Amino acid sequence: MATHRAIEAASDAVIELLRDNYPAEVTDPQLQFKVFTRSDFEIGLTAGVSLFVYRVYVDGSERAPDGRVGEDGRKQRPQLPVQLHFLLTAWAPTASLQHLLIGWMMRTLEDYPVLPAGLLNRRYDESDPVFWPDETVELSTAPMDTEDLFGLFDQLGDEYRLSVPYQARGIRIESARVIEEYEPVQERVRRYRKIEVSS
């Protein structure tokens, strides 16, 4: 049950995972790892991997999970399950380095398909974490045909670069609002009748 910063934290965690597993054989040029916005594609990277979130949607494959019950006994509104679809792009001055980066990147994510809370919360204060200690985010490749992939780069206003689409699942954003305490129907009717009689 993550906070509203879950999408930000998940994107950062993927980049941190890749940075933590820096390929030892690449010493020059120094690799960069960055979460991109659309405008970042105009500048790009000399060499490295970028992450670009191109789609966020409510995961309709599962029923909205119940909200957490707080210490005061009040229940929060249902959680919001979301999926992220993002593009990992290899940047390099040569084709051979670009191919090396894609192979290394895909192997790394296959080796670490689940992001633990420690990694997801790494960039945040321990007193105010984004994810609970028992939460994880699952990574996997995402289906996208060649036409859609090329079309995405057209929308970005950039030429196609070697990229792999991925998805992040298991993100559940919790609400800060609580549900009003449940009142049985009979009690509501009795209370309203009492109000009518007294008036």
Foldseek 3Di string as FASTA:
>chain_A
DFAPCQVVLVQVLLQVLCVVCPDPVDDPPDEDEEEDDLVCQVVDDQWYKYKYWDDKDFPPPDDQAWADQDPVRFGFHTWTWMKTKIKIFTHHPDPVRRVVRVVVSVVSCVVVQKAAQCSSQVVDDPVDGRDDRHAIKGKDFDDDDPVRQQVVCVVSVHHDGDITMMMIGRDIHTDPHTDPDDDDPVVVVVVVVVVVVVD
